[in-house]
């Protein structure tokens, strides 16, 4: 498994990190290194809050040797476009959704495999923290010349949200124009249920939604709530927990190379020491988002587990189409399925 998340491992990490912190002091007159971080969600979003907390801890731990500035709400780049900026050193850090990086590393779409559909969030975390995630990290680091800081940050379960038509079963998706955040896997699922995929960057969703560019979209309760998308017409949600969106913390190779090994270690240790808390906060944020939407009149449909199991079985019968469309490697498919089945 990658960065261990056990209490014992976190304890060792915290002790080691604290020891490192003690030797990092900002020498008088020494110019700080500034991390320019691009995020395409609003400052109130759980990703932004988590990253801001992490970067503040980095600044404190390095005695001000590393400072940061977060450019939120897509001020610099949408997640769909941030990889090139990282590669070229135009930004120093990004934490894009794995679904936005599938054009670079197709295996990022492994969370779309039917084996995860309607399953507990721990099933996805186990695979992402294990061999499947490690395989993807290696590919991302090689292709983008970045450093992945450690375990990915949960966004939470992705579900269906619509404006005019209530989805009571997946049969109701047929014929609807559904916004996708990107990635062949989501488009495959939308098409599998008879919808028409429409890829739109997140910052453009409120306007496109209010203008009727699409009838619904795939996202999370927290993302919908922080963007107040009921103001753009969202009225219904079908909560099928189709997959878990995850954010991948990356530092550009250009910036990473500027850091002394001790500072690199601090950044890695701090992420490892805090990721469990960030994931817990994300889960709480999703629950809060659900309540907030309900308070604003959004109607939820929660399908029973038997319905989810039947849909997963139907999709599994067409998994070859997904694998081909998403260009998933046989290895990541094998590792993901072994992880869920308890053999990896």
C-alpha atoms as a PDB file:
ATOM      1  CA  UNK A   1       0.000   0.000   0.000  1.00  0.00           C
ATOM      2  CA  UNK A   2       1.128   3.564  -0.594  1.00  0.00           C
ATOM      3  CA  UNK A   3       1.272   6.139   2.221  1.00  0.00           C
ATOM      4  CA  UNK A   4      -0.018   4.137   5.201  1.00  0.00           C
ATOM      5  CA  UNK A   5      -3.015   5.570   7.004  1.00  0.00           C
ATOM      6  CA  UNK A   6      -2.935   3.462  10.170  1.00  0.00           C
ATOM      7  CA  UNK A   7      -2.692   5.192  13.534  1.00  0.00           C
ATOM      8  CA  UNK A   8       0.723   3.693  14.087  1.00  0.00           C
ATOM      9  CA  UNK A   9       1.958   4.928  10.692  1.00  0.00           C
ATOM     10  CA  UNK A  10       0.513   8.378  11.284  1.00  0.00           C
ATOM     11  CA  UNK A  11       2.157   8.483  14.680  1.00  0.00           C
ATOM     12  CA  UNK A  12       5.556   7.636  13.229  1.00  0.00           C
ATOM     13  CA  UNK A  13       5.027  10.223  10.518  1.00  0.00           C
ATOM     14  CA  UNK A  14       4.036  12.910  13.006  1.00  0.00           C
ATOM     15  CA  UNK A  15       7.092  12.251  15.189  1.00  0.00           C
ATOM     16  CA  UNK A  16       9.435  12.278  12.212  1.00  0.00           C
ATOM     17  CA  UNK A  17       7.819  15.384  10.815  1.00  0.00           C
ATOM     18  CA  UNK A  18       8.026  17.215  14.137  1.00  0.00           C
ATOM     19  CA  UNK A  19      11.719  16.418  14.294  1.00  0.00           C
ATOM     20  CA  UNK A  20      12.207  17.819  10.836  1.00  0.00           C
ATOM     21  CA  UNK A  21      10.189  20.946  11.611  1.00  0.00           C
ATOM     22  CA  UNK A  22      12.571  21.815  14.442  1.00  0.00           C
ATOM     23  CA  UNK A  23      15.488  22.305  12.061  1.00  0.00           C
ATOM     24  CA  UNK A  24      13.622  24.406   9.507  1.00  0.00           C
ATOM     25  CA  UNK A  25      13.943  28.067  10.248  1.00  0.00           C
ATOM     26  CA  UNK A  26      13.596  30.957   7.838  1.00  0.00           C
ATOM     27  CA  UNK A  27      16.980  32.653   7.764  1.00  0.00           C
ATOM     28  CA  UNK A  28      16.753  36.434   7.980  1.00  0.00           C
ATOM     29  CA  UNK A  29      16.833  37.951   4.508  1.00  0.00           C
ATOM     30  CA  UNK A  30      16.356  34.615   2.753  1.00  0.00           C
ATOM     31  CA  UNK A  31      13.725  34.811   0.003  1.00  0.00           C
ATOM     32  CA  UNK A  32      10.791  32.461   0.501  1.00  0.00           C
ATOM     33  CA  UNK A  33       9.658  30.025  -2.151  1.00  0.00           C
ATOM     34  CA  UNK A  34       6.037  30.723  -3.102  1.00  0.00           C
ATOM     35  CA  UNK A  35       3.647  27.991  -4.229  1.00  0.00           C
ATOM     36  CA  UNK A  36       1.090  29.209  -6.762  1.00  0.00           C
ATOM     37  CA  UNK A  37      -1.800  26.776  -6.467  1.00  0.00           C
ATOM     38  CA  UNK A  38      -4.600  26.560  -9.033  1.00  0.00           C
ATOM     39  CA  UNK A  39      -8.032  25.216  -8.015  1.00  0.00           C
ATOM     40  CA  UNK A  40     -11.213  25.562 -10.053  1.00  0.00           C
ATOM     41  CA  UNK A  41     -13.664  25.320  -7.159  1.00  0.00           C
ATOM     42  CA  UNK A  42     -14.850  28.110  -4.845  1.00  0.00           C
ATOM     43  CA  UNK A  43     -12.980  29.031  -1.633  1.00  0.00           C
ATOM     44  CA  UNK A  44     -15.790  27.475   0.427  1.00  0.00           C
ATOM     45  CA  UNK A  45     -15.364  24.078  -1.279  1.00  0.00           C
ATOM     46  CA  UNK A  46     -13.917  21.269   0.840  1.00  0.00           C
ATOM     47  CA  UNK A  47     -10.958  20.854  -1.535  1.00  0.00           C
ATOM     48  CA  UNK A  48     -10.003  24.513  -1.204  1.00  0.00           C
ATOM     49  CA  UNK A  49     -10.378  24.419   2.571  1.00  0.00           C
ATOM     50  CA  UNK A  50      -8.225  21.290   2.837  1.00  0.00           C
ATOM     51  CA  UNK A  51      -5.509  22.619   0.537  1.00  0.00           C
ATOM     52  CA  UNK A  52      -5.461  25.989   2.317  1.00  0.00           C
ATOM     53  CA  UNK A  53      -5.045  24.216   5.664  1.00  0.00           C
ATOM     54  CA  UNK A  54      -2.251  22.056   4.272  1.00  0.00           C
ATOM     55  CA  UNK A  55      -0.353  24.980   2.753  1.00  0.00           C
ATOM     56  CA  UNK A  56      -0.660  26.964   5.997  1.00  0.00           C
ATOM     57  CA  UNK A  57       0.826  24.001   7.845  1.00  0.00           C
ATOM     58  CA  UNK A  58       3.667  23.859   5.297  1.00  0.00           C
ATOM     59  CA  UNK A  59       4.406  27.541   5.792  1.00  0.00           C
ATOM     60  CA  UNK A  60       4.399  27.186   9.578  1.00  0.00           C
ATOM     61  CA  UNK A  61       6.494  24.026   9.526  1.00  0.00           C
ATOM     62  CA  UNK A  62       9.160  25.537   7.281  1.00  0.00           C
ATOM     63  CA  UNK A  63       9.399  28.739   9.270  1.00  0.00           C
ATOM     64  CA  UNK A  64       8.155  30.717   6.291  1.00  0.00           C
ATOM     65  CA  UNK A  65      10.626  29.245   3.812  1.00  0.00           C
ATOM     66  CA  UNK A  66       7.616  28.125   1.754  1.00  0.00           C
ATOM     67  CA  UNK A  67       4.636  30.435   1.315  1.00  0.00           C
ATOM     68  CA  UNK A  68       1.642  30.052  -0.960  1.00  0.00           C
ATOM     69  CA  UNK A  69      -1.188  31.695  -2.844  1.00  0.00           C
ATOM     70  CA  UNK A  70      -4.335  29.879  -3.944  1.00  0.00           C
ATOM     71  CA  UNK A  71      -6.064  30.955  -7.139  1.00  0.00           C
ATOM     72  CA  UNK A  72      -9.607  29.667  -6.691  1.00  0.00           C
ATOM     73  CA  UNK A  73     -12.692  29.373  -8.889  1.00  0.00           C
ATOM     74  CA  UNK A  74     -10.653  28.717 -12.023  1.00  0.00           C
ATOM     75  CA  UNK A  75      -8.974  32.130 -11.921  1.00  0.00           C
ATOM     76  CA  UNK A  76      -5.934  30.643 -13.612  1.00  0.00           C
ATOM     77  CA  UNK A  77      -6.982  27.273 -15.016  1.00  0.00           C
ATOM     78  CA  UNK A  78      -9.867  24.851 -14.984  1.00  0.00           C
ATOM     79  CA  UNK A  79      -8.836  21.383 -13.841  1.00  0.00           C
ATOM     80  CA  UNK A  80      -9.310  20.194 -17.413  1.00  0.00           C
ATOM     81  CA  UNK A  81      -6.447  22.484 -18.485  1.00  0.00           C
ATOM     82  CA  UNK A  82      -4.164  22.625 -15.469  1.00  0.00           C
ATOM     83  CA  UNK A  83      -1.939  19.660 -16.378  1.00  0.00           C
ATOM     84  CA  UNK A  84      -0.206  21.568 -19.175  1.00  0.00           C
ATOM     85  CA  UNK A  85       0.377  24.494 -16.825  1.00  0.00           C
ATOM     86  CA  UNK A  86       2.009  22.151 -14.298  1.00  0.00           C
ATOM     87  CA  UNK A  87       4.160  20.578 -16.978  1.00  0.00           C
ATOM     88  CA  UNK A  88       5.333  23.993 -18.184  1.00  0.00           C
ATOM     89  CA  UNK A  89       5.868  25.334 -14.664  1.00  0.00           C
ATOM     90  CA  UNK A  90       3.192  28.015 -15.051  1.00  0.00           C
ATOM     91  CA  UNK A  91       1.683  26.932 -11.728  1.00  0.00           C
ATOM     92  CA  UNK A  92       3.399  25.127  -8.880  1.00  0.00           C
ATOM     93  CA  UNK A  93       0.560  23.085  -7.424  1.00  0.00           C
ATOM     94  CA  UNK A  94      -2.820  21.752  -8.432  1.00  0.00           C
ATOM     95  CA  UNK A  95      -5.168  19.157  -6.985  1.00  0.00           C
ATOM     96  CA  UNK A  96      -7.263  18.207 -10.020  1.00  0.00           C
ATOM     97  CA  UNK A  97     -10.016  15.627 -10.056  1.00  0.00           C
ATOM     98  CA  UNK A  98      -8.759  12.315 -11.403  1.00  0.00           C
ATOM     99  CA  UNK A  99     -11.550  12.384 -13.998  1.00  0.00           C
ATOM    100  CA  UNK A 100      -9.964  15.484 -15.584  1.00  0.00           C
ATOM    101  CA  UNK A 101      -6.637  13.750 -16.142  1.00  0.00           C
ATOM    102  CA  UNK A 102      -7.855  10.750 -18.121  1.00  0.00           C
ATOM    103  CA  UNK A 103      -6.713  12.282 -21.405  1.00  0.00           C
ATOM    104  CA  UNK A 104      -3.152  12.104 -20.086  1.00  0.00           C
ATOM    105  CA  UNK A 105      -3.333   8.919 -18.028  1.00  0.00           C
ATOM    106  CA  UNK A 106      -6.401   6.879 -19.044  1.00  0.00           C
ATOM    107  CA  UNK A 107      -6.045   4.659 -15.977  1.00  0.00           C
ATOM    108  CA  UNK A 108      -7.252   7.603 -13.841  1.00  0.00           C
ATOM    109  CA  UNK A 109     -10.715   6.495 -14.975  1.00  0.00           C
ATOM    110  CA  UNK A 110     -10.436   3.212 -13.059  1.00  0.00           C
ATOM    111  CA  UNK A 111     -12.929   4.481 -10.448  1.00  0.00           C
ATOM    112  CA  UNK A 112     -15.600   4.266 -13.165  1.00  0.00           C
ATOM    113  CA  UNK A 113     -15.376   0.481 -13.234  1.00  0.00           C
ATOM    114  CA  UNK A 114     -18.753  -1.074 -12.347  1.00  0.00           C
ATOM    115  CA  UNK A 115     -17.150  -2.956  -9.480  1.00  0.00           C
ATOM    116  CA  UNK A 116     -17.227   0.320  -7.482  1.00  0.00           C
ATOM    117  CA  UNK A 117     -20.804   1.341  -8.365  1.00  0.00           C
ATOM    118  CA  UNK A 118     -23.041   1.607  -5.295  1.00  0.00           C
ATOM    119  CA  UNK A 119     -20.268   0.307  -3.048  1.00  0.00           C
ATOM    120  CA  UNK A 120     -19.083   1.847   0.262  1.00  0.00           C
ATOM    121  CA  UNK A 121     -16.531   4.625  -0.143  1.00  0.00           C
ATOM    122  CA  UNK A 122     -13.919   2.464   1.568  1.00  0.00           C
ATOM    123  CA  UNK A 123     -13.845   0.184  -1.484  1.00  0.00           C
ATOM    124  CA  UNK A 124     -12.547   3.002  -3.661  1.00  0.00           C
ATOM    125  CA  UNK A 125     -10.161   4.329  -1.013  1.00  0.00           C
ATOM    126  CA  UNK A 126      -8.631   0.900  -0.561  1.00  0.00           C
ATOM    127  CA  UNK A 127      -7.890   0.643  -4.276  1.00  0.00           C
ATOM    128  CA  UNK A 128      -6.663   4.231  -4.581  1.00  0.00           C
ATOM    129  CA  UNK A 129      -4.364   3.862  -1.567  1.00  0.00           C
ATOM    130  CA  UNK A 130      -3.100   0.523  -2.817  1.00  0.00           C
ATOM    131  CA  UNK A 131      -1.552  -0.947  -5.920  1.00  0.00           C
ATOM    132  CA  UNK A 132      -4.008   0.559  -8.412  1.00  0.00           C
ATOM    133  CA  UNK A 133      -3.357   4.073  -7.138  1.00  0.00           C
ATOM    134  CA  UNK A 134       0.393   3.519  -7.041  1.00  0.00           C
ATOM    135  CA  UNK A 135       0.322   2.456 -10.694  1.00  0.00           C
ATOM    136  CA  UNK A 136      -1.488   5.650 -11.636  1.00  0.00           C
ATOM    137  CA  UNK A 137       0.786   7.897  -9.559  1.00  0.00           C
ATOM    138  CA  UNK A 138       3.791   6.512 -11.365  1.00  0.00           C
ATOM    139  CA  UNK A 139       2.246   7.295 -14.744  1.00  0.00           C
ATOM    140  CA  UNK A 140       1.155  10.803 -13.710  1.00  0.00           C
ATOM    141  CA  UNK A 141       4.577  11.668 -12.344  1.00  0.00           C
ATOM    142  CA  UNK A 142       6.318  10.466 -15.499  1.00  0.00           C
ATOM    143  CA  UNK A 143       4.021  12.180 -17.989  1.00  0.00           C
ATOM    144  CA  UNK A 144       3.528  15.490 -16.197  1.00  0.00           C
ATOM    145  CA  UNK A 145       6.913  15.672 -14.431  1.00  0.00           C
ATOM    146  CA  UNK A 146       5.175  16.281 -11.130  1.00  0.00           C
ATOM    147  CA  UNK A 147       5.422  14.931  -7.621  1.00  0.00           C
ATOM    148  CA  UNK A 148       2.237  13.380  -6.253  1.00  0.00           C
ATOM    149  CA  UNK A 149       2.207  14.314  -2.571  1.00  0.00           C
ATOM    150  CA  UNK A 150       0.466  11.173  -1.369  1.00  0.00           C
ATOM    151  CA  UNK A 151      -2.992   9.608  -0.963  1.00  0.00           C
ATOM    152  CA  UNK A 152      -5.744  11.297  -2.913  1.00  0.00           C
ATOM    153  CA  UNK A 153      -8.384  13.498  -1.337  1.00  0.00           C
ATOM    154  CA  UNK A 154     -11.960  12.229  -1.495  1.00  0.00           C
ATOM    155  CA  UNK A 155     -14.470  14.486  -3.128  1.00  0.00           C
ATOM    156  CA  UNK A 156     -17.242  12.037  -2.340  1.00  0.00           C
ATOM    157  CA  UNK A 157     -19.909  10.072  -4.143  1.00  0.00           C
ATOM    158  CA  UNK A 158     -20.970  11.326  -7.546  1.00  0.00           C
ATOM    159  CA  UNK A 159     -24.692  11.270  -8.282  1.00  0.00           C
ATOM    160  CA  UNK A 160     -27.224  12.578 -10.802  1.00  0.00           C
ATOM    161  CA  UNK A 161     -28.776  16.053 -10.540  1.00  0.00           C
ATOM    162  CA  UNK A 162     -31.529  17.376 -12.804  1.00  0.00           C
ATOM    163  CA  UNK A 163     -33.570  20.522 -13.357  1.00  0.00           C
ATOM    164  CA  UNK A 164     -36.958  19.578 -14.821  1.00  0.00           C
ATOM    165  CA  UNK A 165     -37.228  15.779 -14.847  1.00  0.00           C
ATOM    166  CA  UNK A 166     -37.051  13.753 -11.661  1.00  0.00           C
ATOM    167  CA  UNK A 167     -34.981  10.585 -11.958  1.00  0.00           C
ATOM    168  CA  UNK A 168     -36.668   7.827  -9.981  1.00  0.00           C
ATOM    169  CA  UNK A 169     -34.849   4.982 -11.775  1.00  0.00           C
ATOM    170  CA  UNK A 170     -31.966   4.945 -14.218  1.00  0.00           C
ATOM    171  CA  UNK A 171     -34.538   4.398 -16.988  1.00  0.00           C
ATOM    172  CA  UNK A 172     -35.508   8.067 -16.547  1.00  0.00           C
ATOM    173  CA  UNK A 173     -32.069   9.163 -17.764  1.00  0.00           C
ATOM    174  CA  UNK A 174     -32.842   8.076 -21.307  1.00  0.00           C
ATOM    175  CA  UNK A 175     -32.808  11.009 -23.721  1.00  0.00           C
ATOM    176  CA  UNK A 176     -31.526  13.563 -21.211  1.00  0.00           C
ATOM    177  CA  UNK A 177     -28.546  15.785 -21.992  1.00  0.00           C
ATOM    178  CA  UNK A 178     -26.211  15.183 -19.055  1.00  0.00           C
ATOM    179  CA  UNK A 179     -23.177  17.291 -18.242  1.00  0.00           C
ATOM    180  CA  UNK A 180     -20.020  15.303 -17.578  1.00  0.00           C
ATOM    181  CA  UNK A 181     -16.944  16.734 -15.839  1.00  0.00           C
ATOM    182  CA  UNK A 182     -14.751  14.853 -18.318  1.00  0.00           C
ATOM    183  CA  UNK A 183     -13.404  11.379 -18.851  1.00  0.00           C
ATOM    184  CA  UNK A 184     -14.550   8.562 -21.092  1.00  0.00           C
ATOM    185  CA  UNK A 185     -15.792   6.534 -18.129  1.00  0.00           C
ATOM    186  CA  UNK A 186     -18.478   9.007 -17.072  1.00  0.00           C
ATOM    187  CA  UNK A 187     -19.571   9.467 -20.671  1.00  0.00           C
ATOM    188  CA  UNK A 188     -19.828   5.682 -20.980  1.00  0.00           C
ATOM    189  CA  UNK A 189     -22.101   5.463 -17.936  1.00  0.00           C
ATOM    190  CA  UNK A 190     -24.295   8.323 -19.148  1.00  0.00           C
ATOM    191  CA  UNK A 191     -24.598   6.621 -22.533  1.00  0.00           C
ATOM    192  CA  UNK A 192     -25.159   3.210 -20.926  1.00  0.00           C
ATOM    193  CA  UNK A 193     -28.295   4.550 -19.267  1.00  0.00           C
ATOM    194  CA  UNK A 194     -29.433   6.288 -22.461  1.00  0.00           C
ATOM    195  CA  UNK A 195     -28.297   9.840 -21.697  1.00  0.00           C
ATOM    196  CA  UNK A 196     -26.407  12.209 -23.985  1.00  0.00           C
ATOM    197  CA  UNK A 197     -22.996  13.249 -22.567  1.00  0.00           C
ATOM    198  CA  UNK A 198     -21.982  16.902 -22.579  1.00  0.00           C
ATOM    199  CA  UNK A 199     -18.493  17.760 -21.233  1.00  0.00           C
ATOM    200  CA  UNK A 200     -18.438  21.184 -19.553  1.00  0.00           C
ATOM    201  CA  UNK A 201     -15.819  22.614 -17.159  1.00  0.00           C
ATOM    202  CA  UNK A 202     -17.148  23.175 -13.650  1.00  0.00           C
ATOM    203  CA  UNK A 203     -16.823  26.996 -13.593  1.00  0.00           C
ATOM    204  CA  UNK A 204     -19.141  27.144 -16.636  1.00  0.00           C
ATOM    205  CA  UNK A 205     -21.840  24.898 -15.174  1.00  0.00           C
ATOM    206  CA  UNK A 206     -24.130  27.472 -13.459  1.00  0.00           C
ATOM    207  CA  UNK A 207     -24.627  29.579 -16.585  1.00  0.00           C
ATOM    208  CA  UNK A 208     -24.953  26.558 -18.896  1.00  0.00           C
ATOM    209  CA  UNK A 209     -27.462  24.988 -16.504  1.00  0.00           C
ATOM    210  CA  UNK A 210     -29.614  28.111 -16.251  1.00  0.00           C
ATOM    211  CA  UNK A 211     -29.571  28.447 -20.048  1.00  0.00           C
ATOM    212  CA  UNK A 212     -30.741  24.871 -20.548  1.00  0.00           C
ATOM    213  CA  UNK A 213     -27.550  23.680 -22.256  1.00  0.00           C
ATOM    214  CA  UNK A 214     -28.130  20.352 -20.518  1.00  0.00           C
ATOM    215  CA  UNK A 215     -30.912  18.753 -18.476  1.00  0.00           C
ATOM    216  CA  UNK A 216     -28.765  17.481 -15.649  1.00  0.00           C
ATOM    217  CA  UNK A 217     -25.243  16.635 -14.613  1.00  0.00           C
ATOM    218  CA  UNK A 218     -23.027  14.318 -12.592  1.00  0.00           C
ATOM    219  CA  UNK A 219     -21.507  15.812  -9.451  1.00  0.00           C
ATOM    220  CA  UNK A 220     -21.593  15.634  -5.632  1.00  0.00           C
ATOM    221  CA  UNK A 221     -23.857  17.051  -2.956  1.00  0.00           C
ATOM    222  CA  UNK A 222     -21.105  19.272  -1.588  1.00  0.00           C
ATOM    223  CA  UNK A 223     -20.147  20.680  -4.981  1.00  0.00           C
ATOM    224  CA  UNK A 224     -23.780  21.457  -5.809  1.00  0.00           C
ATOM    225  CA  UNK A 225     -24.315  23.102  -2.432  1.00  0.00           C
ATOM    226  CA  UNK A 226     -21.200  25.290  -2.478  1.00  0.00           C
ATOM    227  CA  UNK A 227     -22.116  26.487  -5.974  1.00  0.00           C
ATOM    228  CA  UNK A 228     -25.771  27.024  -4.886  1.00  0.00           C
ATOM    229  CA  UNK A 229     -26.935  25.342  -8.064  1.00  0.00           C
ATOM    230  CA  UNK A 230     -30.567  25.347  -6.960  1.00  0.00           C
ATOM    231  CA  UNK A 231     -30.348  28.989  -8.035  1.00  0.00           C
ATOM    232  CA  UNK A 232     -29.505  27.705 -11.522  1.00  0.00           C
ATOM    233  CA  UNK A 233     -32.492  25.340 -11.557  1.00  0.00           C
ATOM    234  CA  UNK A 234     -31.484  22.113  -9.796  1.00  0.00           C
ATOM    235  CA  UNK A 235     -34.595  20.461  -8.353  1.00  0.00           C
ATOM    236  CA  UNK A 236     -33.871  16.723  -8.161  1.00  0.00           C
ATOM    237  CA  UNK A 237     -31.134  14.237  -7.358  1.00  0.00           C
ATOM    238  CA  UNK A 238     -30.851  10.481  -7.856  1.00  0.00           C
ATOM    239  CA  UNK A 239     -28.355   9.278  -5.240  1.00  0.00           C
ATOM    240  CA  UNK A 240     -26.909   6.115  -6.730  1.00  0.00           C
ATOM    241  CA  UNK A 241     -23.317   6.638  -5.505  1.00  0.00           C
ATOM    242  CA  UNK A 242     -22.073   5.785  -8.964  1.00  0.00           C
ATOM    243  CA  UNK A 243     -18.404   6.441  -8.223  1.00  0.00           C
ATOM    244  CA  UNK A 244     -16.115   8.369  -5.887  1.00  0.00           C
ATOM    245  CA  UNK A 245     -14.444  11.449  -7.294  1.00  0.00           C
ATOM    246  CA  UNK A 246     -10.916  11.940  -5.974  1.00  0.00           C
ATOM    247  CA  UNK A 247      -8.483  14.840  -6.111  1.00  0.00           C
ATOM    248  CA  UNK A 248      -4.810  14.202  -6.882  1.00  0.00           C
ATOM    249  CA  UNK A 249      -2.340  16.508  -5.060  1.00  0.00           C
ATOM    250  CA  UNK A 250       0.490  17.448  -7.419  1.00  0.00           C
ATOM    251  CA  UNK A 251       3.536  19.720  -7.202  1.00  0.00           C
ATOM    252  CA  UNK A 252       5.247  20.712 -10.441  1.00  0.00           C
ATOM    253  CA  UNK A 253       8.642  19.131 -10.995  1.00  0.00           C
ATOM    254  CA  UNK A 254      10.128  22.592 -11.495  1.00  0.00           C
ATOM    255  CA  UNK A 255       9.082  23.719  -8.018  1.00  0.00           C
ATOM    256  CA  UNK A 256       9.851  20.379  -6.381  1.00  0.00           C
ATOM    257  CA  UNK A 257      13.426  20.561  -7.662  1.00  0.00           C
ATOM    258  CA  UNK A 258      13.912  23.900  -5.875  1.00  0.00           C
ATOM    259  CA  UNK A 259      13.250  22.337  -2.491  1.00  0.00           C
ATOM    260  CA  UNK A 260      15.879  20.942  -0.192  1.00  0.00           C
ATOM    261  CA  UNK A 261      15.307  17.270   0.671  1.00  0.00           C
ATOM    262  CA  UNK A 262      14.302  18.274   4.222  1.00  0.00           C
ATOM    263  CA  UNK A 263      11.542  20.531   2.886  1.00  0.00           C
ATOM    264  CA  UNK A 264      10.377  17.860   0.448  1.00  0.00           C
ATOM    265  CA  UNK A 265      10.095  15.482   3.391  1.00  0.00           C
ATOM    266  CA  UNK A 266       8.069  18.011   5.383  1.00  0.00           C
ATOM    267  CA  UNK A 267       5.589  18.425   2.529  1.00  0.00           C
ATOM    268  CA  UNK A 268       5.163  14.673   2.100  1.00  0.00           C
ATOM    269  CA  UNK A 269       4.890  13.996   5.827  1.00  0.00           C
ATOM    270  CA  UNK A 270       2.353  16.782   6.370  1.00  0.00           C
ATOM    271  CA  UNK A 271       0.102  15.479   3.628  1.00  0.00           C
ATOM    272  CA  UNK A 272       0.305  11.927   5.008  1.00  0.00           C
ATOM    273  CA  UNK A 273      -0.406  13.144   8.539  1.00  0.00           C
ATOM    274  CA  UNK A 274      -3.500  15.115   7.523  1.00  0.00           C
ATOM    275  CA  UNK A 275      -5.150  13.183   4.677  1.00  0.00           C
ATOM    276  CA  UNK A 276      -7.328  11.102   7.026  1.00  0.00           C
ATOM    277  CA  UNK A 277      -8.696  14.310   8.557  1.00  0.00           C
ATOM    278  CA  UNK A 278      -9.283  15.866   5.147  1.00  0.00           C
ATOM    279  CA  UNK A 279     -11.193  12.801   4.011  1.00  0.00           C
ATOM    280  CA  UNK A 280     -13.288  12.853   7.166  1.00  0.00           C
ATOM    281  CA  UNK A 281     -14.021  16.533   6.627  1.00  0.00           C
ATOM    282  CA  UNK A 282     -15.009  15.812   3.032  1.00  0.00           C
ATOM    283  CA  UNK A 283     -17.512  13.179   4.157  1.00  0.00           C
ATOM    284  CA  UNK A 284     -19.017  15.623   6.677  1.00  0.00           C
ATOM    285  CA  UNK A 285     -19.149  18.285   3.989  1.00  0.00           C
ATOM    286  CA  UNK A 286     -21.099  15.951   1.696  1.00  0.00           C
ATOM    287  CA  UNK A 287     -23.646  15.337   4.453  1.00  0.00           C
ATOM    288  CA  UNK A 288     -23.957  19.059   5.054  1.00  0.00           C
ATOM    289  CA  UNK A 289     -24.361  19.670   1.310  1.00  0.00           C
ATOM    290  CA  UNK A 290     -27.201  17.159   1.170  1.00  0.00           C
ATOM    291  CA  UNK A 291     -29.022  18.893   4.026  1.00  0.00           C
ATOM    292  CA  UNK A 292     -28.478  22.313   2.495  1.00  0.00           C
ATOM    293  CA  UNK A 293     -29.918  21.207  -0.845  1.00  0.00           C
ATOM    294  CA  UNK A 294     -32.924  19.663   0.894  1.00  0.00           C
ATOM    295  CA  UNK A 295     -33.436  22.925   2.763  1.00  0.00           C
ATOM    296  CA  UNK A 296     -33.606  24.664  -0.618  1.00  0.00           C
ATOM    297  CA  UNK A 297     -36.220  22.296  -1.980  1.00  0.00           C
ATOM    298  CA  UNK A 298     -34.109  19.745  -3.851  1.00  0.00           C
ATOM    299  CA  UNK A 299     -35.915  16.371  -3.884  1.00  0.00           C
ATOM    300  CA  UNK A 300     -33.800  13.253  -3.358  1.00  0.00           C
ATOM    301  CA  UNK A 301     -34.364   9.700  -4.569  1.00  0.00           C
ATOM    302  CA  UNK A 302     -32.315   7.067  -2.704  1.00  0.00           C
ATOM    303  CA  UNK A 303     -32.458   3.739  -4.565  1.00  0.00           C
ATOM    304  CA  UNK A 304     -32.370   0.577  -2.425  1.00  0.00           C
ATOM    305  CA  UNK A 305     -29.206  -1.518  -2.385  1.00  0.00           C
ATOM    306  CA  UNK A 306     -30.860  -4.244  -4.457  1.00  0.00           C
ATOM    307  CA  UNK A 307     -31.455  -1.717  -7.248  1.00  0.00           C
ATOM    308  CA  UNK A 308     -27.819  -0.603  -7.107  1.00  0.00           C
ATOM    309  CA  UNK A 309     -26.624  -4.205  -7.179  1.00  0.00           C
ATOM    310  CA  UNK A 310     -28.768  -4.942 -10.237  1.00  0.00           C
ATOM    311  CA  UNK A 311     -27.452  -1.878 -12.063  1.00  0.00           C
ATOM    312  CA  UNK A 312     -23.871  -2.830 -11.196  1.00  0.00           C
ATOM    313  CA  UNK A 313     -24.434  -6.326 -12.573  1.00  0.00           C
ATOM    314  CA  UNK A 314     -25.872  -4.917 -15.800  1.00  0.00           C
ATOM    315  CA  UNK A 315     -22.934  -2.555 -16.246  1.00  0.00           C
ATOM    316  CA  UNK A 316     -20.459  -5.318 -15.463  1.00  0.00           C
ATOM    317  CA  UNK A 317     -21.820  -7.212 -18.451  1.00  0.00           C
ATOM    318  CA  UNK A 318     -20.726  -4.262 -20.638  1.00  0.00           C
ATOM    319  CA  UNK A 319     -17.407  -3.601 -18.886  1.00  0.00           C
ATOM    320  CA  UNK A 320     -15.450  -4.460 -22.041  1.00  0.00           C
ATOM    321  CA  UNK A 321     -17.018  -1.439 -23.748  1.00  0.00           C
ATOM    322  CA  UNK A 322     -15.962   0.804 -20.863  1.00  0.00           C
ATOM    323  CA  UNK A 323     -12.420  -0.572 -20.814  1.00  0.00           C
ATOM    324  CA  UNK A 324     -12.099   0.025 -24.546  1.00  0.00           C
ATOM    325  CA  UNK A 325     -13.663   3.509 -24.492  1.00  0.00           C
ATOM    326  CA  UNK A 326     -11.634   4.644 -21.484  1.00  0.00           C
ATOM    327  CA  UNK A 327      -8.469   2.878 -22.703  1.00  0.00           C
ATOM    328  CA  UNK A 328      -7.941   1.324 -19.287  1.00  0.00           C
ATOM    329  CA  UNK A 329      -4.934  -0.947 -18.971  1.00  0.00           C
ATOM    330  CA  UNK A 330      -5.580  -4.615 -18.167  1.00  0.00           C
ATOM    331  CA  UNK A 331      -3.335  -4.166 -15.136  1.00  0.00           C
ATOM    332  CA  UNK A 332      -5.373  -1.385 -13.497  1.00  0.00           C
ATOM    333  CA  UNK A 333      -8.610  -3.309 -14.137  1.00  0.00           C
ATOM    334  CA  UNK A 334      -7.120  -6.404 -12.540  1.00  0.00           C
ATOM    335  CA  UNK A 335      -5.749  -4.499  -9.532  1.00  0.00           C
ATOM    336  CA  UNK A 336      -9.039  -2.649  -8.971  1.00  0.00           C
ATOM    337  CA  UNK A 337     -11.138  -5.800  -9.075  1.00  0.00           C
ATOM    338  CA  UNK A 338      -8.690  -7.655  -6.841  1.00  0.00           C
ATOM    339  CA  UNK A 339      -8.807  -4.795  -4.358  1.00  0.00           C
ATOM    340  CA  UNK A 340     -12.610  -4.852  -4.116  1.00  0.00           C
ATOM    341  CA  UNK A 341     -12.637  -8.652  -3.935  1.00  0.00           C
ATOM    342  CA  UNK A 342     -10.082  -8.619  -1.124  1.00  0.00           C
ATOM    343  CA  UNK A 343      -7.248 -10.283  -2.997  1.00  0.00           C
ATOM    344  CA  UNK A 344      -4.976  -7.215  -3.427  1.00  0.00           C
END
